[in-house]
Amino acid sequence: AIEPGARIMKDGEQVGTVNSTAYSRHLMKSIALGHVKPELKAWGTPLEIVSERGTFPAYVVRTPFYDPHRIRTHPLEERA
């Protein structure tokens, strides 16, 4: 798991910091909130998280993470 305080990196430069983390059993992956430079806020922007446990790929997503109707995690074509 990634810890709060981990560095958010883009092209070898620190561009932000992770504030809080959790494991989503619904999404079956780690999720985190962090601050990044404003120019990197576009959804889908690829980033890396550098923590004590290693380096992990990440990308900017829309919040809130909670999706009660599972529309974002299970698009209509997958539910058919």
PDB file of N, CA and C in Angstrom:
ATOM      1  N   ALA A   1       0.846  -1.187   0.000  1.00  0.00           N
ATOM      2  CA  ALA A   1       0.000   0.000   0.000  1.00  0.00           C
ATOM      3  C   ALA A   1       0.885   1.241   0.000  1.00  0.00           C
ATOM      4  N   ILE A   2       0.402   2.241  -0.666  1.00  0.00           N
ATOM      5  CA  ILE A   2       1.115   3.514  -0.713  1.00  0.00           C
ATOM      6  C   ILE A   2       0.751   4.307   0.535  1.00  0.00           C
ATOM      7  N   GLU A   3       1.737   4.957   1.119  1.00  0.00           N
ATOM      8  CA  GLU A   3       1.511   5.697   2.350  1.00  0.00           C
ATOM      9  C   GLU A   3       1.309   7.194   2.074  1.00  0.00           C
ATOM     10  N   PRO A   4       0.526   7.871   2.925  1.00  0.00           N
ATOM     11  CA  PRO A   4       0.424   9.323   2.810  1.00  0.00           C
ATOM     12  C   PRO A   4       1.819   9.945   2.901  1.00  0.00           C
ATOM     13  N   GLY A   5       2.052  10.969   2.105  1.00  0.00           N
ATOM     14  CA  GLY A   5       3.366  11.605   2.062  1.00  0.00           C
ATOM     15  C   GLY A   5       4.216  11.122   0.899  1.00  0.00           C
ATOM     16  N   ALA A   6       3.764  10.054   0.201  1.00  0.00           N
ATOM     17  CA  ALA A   6       4.510   9.559  -0.952  1.00  0.00           C
ATOM     18  C   ALA A   6       4.581  10.665  -2.009  1.00  0.00           C
ATOM     19  N   ARG A   7       5.634  10.637  -2.801  1.00  0.00           N
ATOM     20  CA  ARG A   7       5.842  11.671  -3.816  1.00  0.00           C
ATOM     21  C   ARG A   7       5.096  11.317  -5.102  1.00  0.00           C
ATOM     22  N   ILE A   8       4.476  12.312  -5.705  1.00  0.00           N
ATOM     23  CA  ILE A   8       3.838  12.165  -7.011  1.00  0.00           C
ATOM     24  C   ILE A   8       4.812  12.742  -8.025  1.00  0.00           C
ATOM     25  N   MET A   9       5.172  11.931  -9.030  1.00  0.00           N
ATOM     26  CA  MET A   9       6.210  12.305  -9.986  1.00  0.00           C
ATOM     27  C   MET A   9       5.653  12.338 -11.409  1.00  0.00           C
ATOM     28  N   LYS A  10       6.250  13.202 -12.240  1.00  0.00           N
ATOM     29  CA  LYS A  10       5.941  13.271 -13.672  1.00  0.00           C
ATOM     30  C   LYS A  10       7.254  13.591 -14.388  1.00  0.00           C
ATOM     31  N   ASP A  11       7.689  12.684 -15.256  1.00  0.00           N
ATOM     32  CA  ASP A  11       8.921  12.871 -16.022  1.00  0.00           C
ATOM     33  C   ASP A  11      10.124  13.159 -15.130  1.00  0.00           C
ATOM     34  N   GLY A  12      10.210  12.441 -13.996  1.00  0.00           N
ATOM     35  CA  GLY A  12      11.350  12.559 -13.096  1.00  0.00           C
ATOM     36  C   GLY A  12      11.318  13.750 -12.160  1.00  0.00           C
ATOM     37  N   GLU A  13      10.266  14.541 -12.196  1.00  0.00           N
ATOM     38  CA  GLU A  13      10.136  15.723 -11.334  1.00  0.00           C
ATOM     39  C   GLU A  13       8.993  15.522 -10.354  1.00  0.00           C
ATOM     40  N   GLN A  14       9.221  15.891  -9.085  1.00  0.00           N
ATOM     41  CA  GLN A  14       8.135  15.807  -8.113  1.00  0.00           C
ATOM     42  C   GLN A  14       7.130  16.904  -8.411  1.00  0.00           C
ATOM     43  N   VAL A  15       5.866  16.496  -8.609  1.00  0.00           N
ATOM     44  CA  VAL A  15       4.806  17.433  -8.962  1.00  0.00           C
ATOM     45  C   VAL A  15       3.693  17.470  -7.924  1.00  0.00           C
ATOM     46  N   GLY A  16       3.827  16.684  -6.851  1.00  0.00           N
ATOM     47  CA  GLY A  16       2.792  16.673  -5.831  1.00  0.00           C
ATOM     48  C   GLY A  16       3.086  15.675  -4.735  1.00  0.00           C
ATOM     49  N   THR A  17       2.124  15.555  -3.824  1.00  0.00           N
ATOM     50  CA  THR A  17       2.248  14.682  -2.668  1.00  0.00           C
ATOM     51  C   THR A  17       0.922  13.970  -2.423  1.00  0.00           C
ATOM     52  N   VAL A  18       0.999  12.696  -2.052  1.00  0.00           N
ATOM     53  CA  VAL A  18      -0.183  11.916  -1.692  1.00  0.00           C
ATOM     54  C   VAL A  18      -0.640  12.350  -0.303  1.00  0.00           C
ATOM     55  N   ASN A  19      -1.946  12.604  -0.159  1.00  0.00           N
ATOM     56  CA  ASN A  19      -2.496  13.021   1.133  1.00  0.00           C
ATOM     57  C   ASN A  19      -3.121  11.876   1.911  1.00  0.00           C
ATOM     58  N   SER A  20      -3.926  11.057   1.233  1.00  0.00           N
ATOM     59  CA  SER A  20      -4.587   9.949   1.920  1.00  0.00           C
ATOM     60  C   SER A  20      -4.723   8.786   0.954  1.00  0.00           C
ATOM     61  N   THR A  21      -4.744   7.584   1.520  1.00  0.00           N
ATOM     62  CA  THR A  21      -4.807   6.373   0.704  1.00  0.00           C
ATOM     63  C   THR A  21      -5.789   5.375   1.298  1.00  0.00           C
ATOM     64  N   ALA A  22      -6.240   4.474   0.451  1.00  0.00           N
ATOM     65  CA  ALA A  22      -7.119   3.388   0.893  1.00  0.00           C
ATOM     66  C   ALA A  22      -7.096   2.307  -0.178  1.00  0.00           C
ATOM     67  N   TYR A  23      -7.525   1.113   0.196  1.00  0.00           N
ATOM     68  CA  TYR A  23      -7.701   0.043  -0.781  1.00  0.00           C
ATOM     69  C   TYR A  23      -9.195  -0.094  -1.029  1.00  0.00           C
ATOM     70  N   SER A  24      -9.594  -0.019  -2.298  1.00  0.00           N
ATOM     71  CA  SER A  24     -11.004  -0.137  -2.658  1.00  0.00           C
ATOM     72  C   SER A  24     -11.320  -1.589  -2.985  1.00  0.00           C
ATOM     73  N   ARG A  25     -12.128  -2.235  -2.164  1.00  0.00           N
ATOM     74  CA  ARG A  25     -12.556  -3.602  -2.465  1.00  0.00           C
ATOM     75  C   ARG A  25     -13.505  -3.615  -3.652  1.00  0.00           C
ATOM     76  N   HIS A  26     -14.201  -2.519  -3.870  1.00  0.00           N
ATOM     77  CA  HIS A  26     -15.124  -2.409  -5.001  1.00  0.00           C
ATOM     78  C   HIS A  26     -14.351  -2.361  -6.321  1.00  0.00           C
ATOM     79  N   LEU A  27     -13.287  -1.555  -6.359  1.00  0.00           N
ATOM     80  CA  LEU A  27     -12.474  -1.432  -7.565  1.00  0.00           C
ATOM     81  C   LEU A  27     -11.338  -2.453  -7.618  1.00  0.00           C
ATOM     82  N   MET A  28     -11.046  -3.067  -6.469  1.00  0.00           N
ATOM     83  CA  MET A  28      -9.962  -4.040  -6.320  1.00  0.00           C
ATOM     84  C   MET A  28      -8.608  -3.425  -6.681  1.00  0.00           C
ATOM     85  N   LYS A  29      -8.377  -2.196  -6.192  1.00  0.00           N
ATOM     86  CA  LYS A  29      -7.097  -1.519  -6.392  1.00  0.00           C
ATOM     87  C   LYS A  29      -6.955  -0.415  -5.358  1.00  0.00           C
ATOM     88  N   SER A  30      -5.732   0.067  -5.211  1.00  0.00           N
ATOM     89  CA  SER A  30      -5.479   1.173  -4.307  1.00  0.00           C
ATOM     90  C   SER A  30      -5.967   2.468  -4.918  1.00  0.00           C
ATOM     91  N   ILE A  31      -6.484   3.344  -4.065  1.00  0.00           N
ATOM     92  CA  ILE A  31      -6.882   4.672  -4.483  1.00  0.00           C
ATOM     93  C   ILE A  31      -6.226   5.673  -3.543  1.00  0.00           C
ATOM     94  N   ALA A  32      -6.008   6.876  -4.025  1.00  0.00           N
ATOM     95  CA  ALA A  32      -5.363   7.894  -3.204  1.00  0.00           C
ATOM     96  C   ALA A  32      -5.824   9.269  -3.632  1.00  0.00           C
ATOM     97  N   LEU A  33      -5.755  10.185  -2.705  1.00  0.00           N
ATOM     98  CA  LEU A  33      -5.976  11.595  -2.996  1.00  0.00           C
ATOM     99  C   LEU A  33      -4.650  12.305  -2.813  1.00  0.00           C
ATOM    100  N   GLY A  34      -4.391  13.267  -3.659  1.00  0.00           N
ATOM    101  CA  GLY A  34      -3.158  14.024  -3.538  1.00  0.00           C
ATOM    102  C   GLY A  34      -3.295  15.363  -4.227  1.00  0.00           C
ATOM    103  N   HIS A  35      -2.310  16.181  -4.031  1.00  0.00           N
ATOM    104  CA  HIS A  35      -2.246  17.476  -4.705  1.00  0.00           C
ATOM    105  C   HIS A  35      -1.204  17.401  -5.799  1.00  0.00           C
ATOM    106  N   VAL A  36      -1.533  17.910  -6.983  1.00  0.00           N
ATOM    107  CA  VAL A  36      -0.570  18.012  -8.075  1.00  0.00           C
ATOM    108  C   VAL A  36      -0.603  19.434  -8.618  1.00  0.00           C
ATOM    109  N   LYS A  37       0.406  19.763  -9.410  1.00  0.00           N
ATOM    110  CA  LYS A  37       0.445  21.074 -10.050  1.00  0.00           C
ATOM    111  C   LYS A  37      -0.807  21.233 -10.915  1.00  0.00           C
ATOM    112  N   PRO A  38      -1.386  22.446 -10.965  1.00  0.00           N
ATOM    113  CA  PRO A  38      -2.630  22.655 -11.712  1.00  0.00           C
ATOM    114  C   PRO A  38      -2.567  22.220 -13.172  1.00  0.00           C
ATOM    115  N   GLU A  39      -1.438  22.349 -13.817  1.00  0.00           N
ATOM    116  CA  GLU A  39      -1.352  21.983 -15.228  1.00  0.00           C
ATOM    117  C   GLU A  39      -1.449  20.472 -15.462  1.00  0.00           C
ATOM    118  N   LEU A  40      -1.428  19.677 -14.393  1.00  0.00           N
ATOM    119  CA  LEU A  40      -1.511  18.218 -14.509  1.00  0.00           C
ATOM    120  C   LEU A  40      -2.857  17.657 -14.059  1.00  0.00           C
ATOM    121  N   LYS A  41      -3.862  18.510 -13.911  1.00  0.00           N
ATOM    122  CA  LYS A  41      -5.143  18.073 -13.353  1.00  0.00           C
ATOM    123  C   LYS A  41      -6.070  17.372 -14.342  1.00  0.00           C
ATOM    124  N   ALA A  42      -5.728  17.326 -15.625  1.00  0.00           N
ATOM    125  CA  ALA A  42      -6.614  16.711 -16.621  1.00  0.00           C
ATOM    126  C   ALA A  42      -6.797  15.223 -16.347  1.00  0.00           C
ATOM    127  N   TRP A  43      -8.038  14.740 -16.467  1.00  0.00           N
ATOM    128  CA  TRP A  43      -8.321  13.320 -16.255  1.00  0.00           C
ATOM    129  C   TRP A  43      -7.479  12.485 -17.203  1.00  0.00           C
ATOM    130  N   GLY A  44      -6.911  11.425 -16.678  1.00  0.00           N
ATOM    131  CA  GLY A  44      -6.106  10.520 -17.486  1.00  0.00           C
ATOM    132  C   GLY A  44      -4.622  10.860 -17.522  1.00  0.00           C
ATOM    133  N   THR A  45      -4.215  11.979 -16.928  1.00  0.00           N
ATOM    134  CA  THR A  45      -2.797  12.341 -16.917  1.00  0.00           C
ATOM    135  C   THR A  45      -2.001  11.249 -16.220  1.00  0.00           C
ATOM    136  N   PRO A  46      -1.016  10.636 -16.906  1.00  0.00           N
ATOM    137  CA  PRO A  46      -0.219   9.585 -16.268  1.00  0.00           C
ATOM    138  C   PRO A  46       0.807  10.171 -15.302  1.00  0.00           C
ATOM    139  N   LEU A  47       0.936   9.527 -14.163  1.00  0.00           N
ATOM    140  CA  LEU A  47       1.873   9.949 -13.121  1.00  0.00           C
ATOM    141  C   LEU A  47       2.540   8.704 -12.544  1.00  0.00           C
ATOM    142  N   GLU A  48       3.501   8.918 -11.661  1.00  0.00           N
ATOM    143  CA  GLU A  48       4.103   7.821 -10.895  1.00  0.00           C
ATOM    144  C   GLU A  48       4.065   8.197  -9.428  1.00  0.00           C
ATOM    145  N   ILE A  49       3.854   7.206  -8.593  1.00  0.00           N
ATOM    146  CA  ILE A  49       3.912   7.403  -7.153  1.00  0.00           C
ATOM    147  C   ILE A  49       5.177   6.724  -6.654  1.00  0.00           C
ATOM    148  N   VAL A  50       6.008   7.473  -5.948  1.00  0.00           N
ATOM    149  CA  VAL A  50       7.244   6.926  -5.388  1.00  0.00           C
ATOM    150  C   VAL A  50       7.067   6.883  -3.877  1.00  0.00           C
ATOM    151  N   SER A  51       7.072   5.661  -3.337  1.00  0.00           N
ATOM    152  CA  SER A  51       6.883   5.468  -1.903  1.00  0.00           C
ATOM    153  C   SER A  51       8.017   4.614  -1.361  1.00  0.00           C
ATOM    154  N   GLU A  52       7.948   4.347  -0.064  1.00  0.00           N
ATOM    155  CA  GLU A  52       8.947   3.480   0.565  1.00  0.00           C
ATOM    156  C   GLU A  52       8.886   2.064  -0.001  1.00  0.00           C
ATOM    157  N   ARG A  53       7.756   1.658  -0.563  1.00  0.00           N
ATOM    158  CA  ARG A  53       7.565   0.301  -1.086  1.00  0.00           C
ATOM    159  C   ARG A  53       7.898   0.163  -2.565  1.00  0.00           C
ATOM    160  N   GLY A  54       8.201   1.270  -3.232  1.00  0.00           N
ATOM    161  CA  GLY A  54       8.551   1.201  -4.642  1.00  0.00           C
ATOM    162  C   GLY A  54       7.923   2.308  -5.452  1.00  0.00           C
ATOM    163  N   THR A  55       7.948   2.135  -6.770  1.00  0.00           N
ATOM    164  CA  THR A  55       7.373   3.095  -7.707  1.00  0.00           C
ATOM    165  C   THR A  55       6.174   2.451  -8.384  1.00  0.00           C
ATOM    166  N   PHE A  56       5.062   3.186  -8.435  1.00  0.00           N
ATOM    167  CA  PHE A  56       3.814   2.642  -8.943  1.00  0.00           C
ATOM    168  C   PHE A  56       3.194   3.579  -9.976  1.00  0.00           C
ATOM    169  N   PRO A  57       2.610   3.031 -11.044  1.00  0.00           N
ATOM    170  CA  PRO A  57       1.931   3.884 -12.020  1.00  0.00           C
ATOM    171  C   PRO A  57       0.628   4.429 -11.433  1.00  0.00           C
ATOM    172  N   ALA A  58       0.262   5.618 -11.873  1.00  0.00           N
ATOM    173  CA  ALA A  58      -0.976   6.245 -11.410  1.00  0.00           C
ATOM    174  C   ALA A  58      -1.477   7.167 -12.507  1.00  0.00           C
ATOM    175  N   TYR A  59      -2.721   7.582 -12.379  1.00  0.00           N
ATOM    176  CA  TYR A  59      -3.253   8.574 -13.305  1.00  0.00           C
ATOM    177  C   TYR A  59      -4.355   9.356 -12.609  1.00  0.00           C
ATOM    178  N   VAL A  60      -4.620  10.542 -13.122  1.00  0.00           N
ATOM    179  CA  VAL A  60      -5.632  11.421 -12.551  1.00  0.00           C
ATOM    180  C   VAL A  60      -7.009  10.915 -12.970  1.00  0.00           C
ATOM    181  N   VAL A  61      -7.909  10.796 -11.983  1.00  0.00           N
ATOM    182  CA  VAL A  61      -9.278  10.363 -12.248  1.00  0.00           C
ATOM    183  C   VAL A  61     -10.264  11.347 -11.634  1.00  0.00           C
ATOM    184  N   ARG A  62     -11.495  11.201 -12.042  1.00  0.00           N
ATOM    185  CA  ARG A  62     -12.583  12.039 -11.536  1.00  0.00           C
ATOM    186  C   ARG A  62     -12.949  11.595 -10.127  1.00  0.00           C
ATOM    187  N   THR A  63     -13.316  12.524  -9.288  1.00  0.00           N
ATOM    188  CA  THR A  63     -13.858  12.206  -7.977  1.00  0.00           C
ATOM    189  C   THR A  63     -15.342  12.569  -7.996  1.00  0.00           C
ATOM    190  N   PRO A  64     -16.166  12.008  -7.149  1.00  0.00           N
ATOM    191  CA  PRO A  64     -15.797  11.056  -6.110  1.00  0.00           C
ATOM    192  C   PRO A  64     -15.526   9.663  -6.681  1.00  0.00           C
ATOM    193  N   PHE A  65     -14.753   8.888  -5.928  1.00  0.00           N
ATOM    194  CA  PHE A  65     -14.458   7.522  -6.334  1.00  0.00           C
ATOM    195  C   PHE A  65     -15.705   6.652  -6.243  1.00  0.00           C
ATOM    196  N   TYR A  66     -16.557   6.960  -5.264  1.00  0.00           N
ATOM    197  CA  TYR A  66     -17.748   6.156  -5.032  1.00  0.00           C
ATOM    198  C   TYR A  66     -18.682   6.229  -6.234  1.00  0.00           C
ATOM    199  N   ASP A  67     -19.083   5.106  -6.746  1.00  0.00           N
ATOM    200  CA  ASP A  67     -19.924   5.009  -7.941  1.00  0.00           C
ATOM    201  C   ASP A  67     -21.038   4.004  -7.639  1.00  0.00           C
ATOM    202  N   PRO A  68     -22.102   4.433  -6.912  1.00  0.00           N
ATOM    203  CA  PRO A  68     -23.108   3.479  -6.435  1.00  0.00           C
ATOM    204  C   PRO A  68     -23.801   2.690  -7.534  1.00  0.00           C
ATOM    205  N   HIS A  69     -23.891   3.228  -8.734  1.00  0.00           N
ATOM    206  CA  HIS A  69     -24.559   2.525  -9.825  1.00  0.00           C
ATOM    207  C   HIS A  69     -23.575   1.771 -10.707  1.00  0.00           C
ATOM    208  N   ARG A  70     -22.302   1.818 -10.343  1.00  0.00           N
ATOM    209  CA  ARG A  70     -21.217   1.097 -11.015  1.00  0.00           C
ATOM    210  C   ARG A  70     -21.137   1.438 -12.510  1.00  0.00           C
ATOM    211  N   ILE A  71     -21.490   2.645 -12.856  1.00  0.00           N
ATOM    212  CA  ILE A  71     -21.467   3.062 -14.255  1.00  0.00           C
ATOM    213  C   ILE A  71     -20.032   3.238 -14.750  1.00  0.00           C
ATOM    214  N   ARG A  72     -19.180   3.870 -13.932  1.00  0.00           N
ATOM    215  CA  ARG A  72     -17.798   4.098 -14.364  1.00  0.00           C
ATOM    216  C   ARG A  72     -16.960   2.829 -14.298  1.00  0.00           C
ATOM    217  N   THR A  73     -17.270   1.944 -13.366  1.00  0.00           N
ATOM    218  CA  THR A  73     -16.456   0.733 -13.223  1.00  0.00           C
ATOM    219  C   THR A  73     -16.970  -0.416 -14.073  1.00  0.00           C
ATOM    220  N   HIS A  74     -18.237  -0.365 -14.470  1.00  0.00           N
ATOM    221  CA  HIS A  74     -18.836  -1.406 -15.294  1.00  0.00           C
ATOM    222  C   HIS A  74     -19.709  -0.748 -16.362  1.00  0.00           C
ATOM    223  N   PRO A  75     -19.104  -0.271 -17.438  1.00  0.00           N
ATOM    224  CA  PRO A  75     -19.891   0.395 -18.497  1.00  0.00           C
ATOM    225  C   PRO A  75     -21.019  -0.501 -19.013  1.00  0.00           C
ATOM    226  N   LEU A  76     -22.006   0.118 -19.631  1.00  0.00           N
ATOM    227  CA  LEU A  76     -23.190  -0.603 -20.100  1.00  0.00           C
ATOM    228  C   LEU A  76     -22.847  -1.801 -20.982  1.00  0.00           C
ATOM    229  N   GLU A  77     -21.852  -1.668 -21.871  1.00  0.00           N
ATOM    230  CA  GLU A  77     -21.526  -2.786 -22.754  1.00  0.00           C
ATOM    231  C   GLU A  77     -21.008  -3.998 -21.978  1.00  0.00           C
ATOM    232  N   GLU A  78     -20.428  -3.790 -20.794  1.00  0.00           N
ATOM    233  CA  GLU A  78     -19.965  -4.910 -19.977  1.00  0.00           C
ATOM    234  C   GLU A  78     -21.109  -5.544 -19.192  1.00  0.00           C
ATOM    235  N   ARG A  79     -22.161  -4.786 -18.926  1.00  0.00           N
ATOM    236  CA  ARG A  79     -23.267  -5.288 -18.117  1.00  0.00           C
ATOM    237  C   ARG A  79     -24.288  -6.058 -18.957  1.00  0.00           C
ATOM    238  N   ALA A  80     -24.196  -5.957 -20.248  1.00  0.00           N
ATOM    239  CA  ALA A  80     -25.186  -6.613 -21.135  1.00  0.00           C
ATOM    240  C   ALA A  80     -25.014  -8.110 -21.177  1.00  0.00           C
TER     241      ALA A  80
END
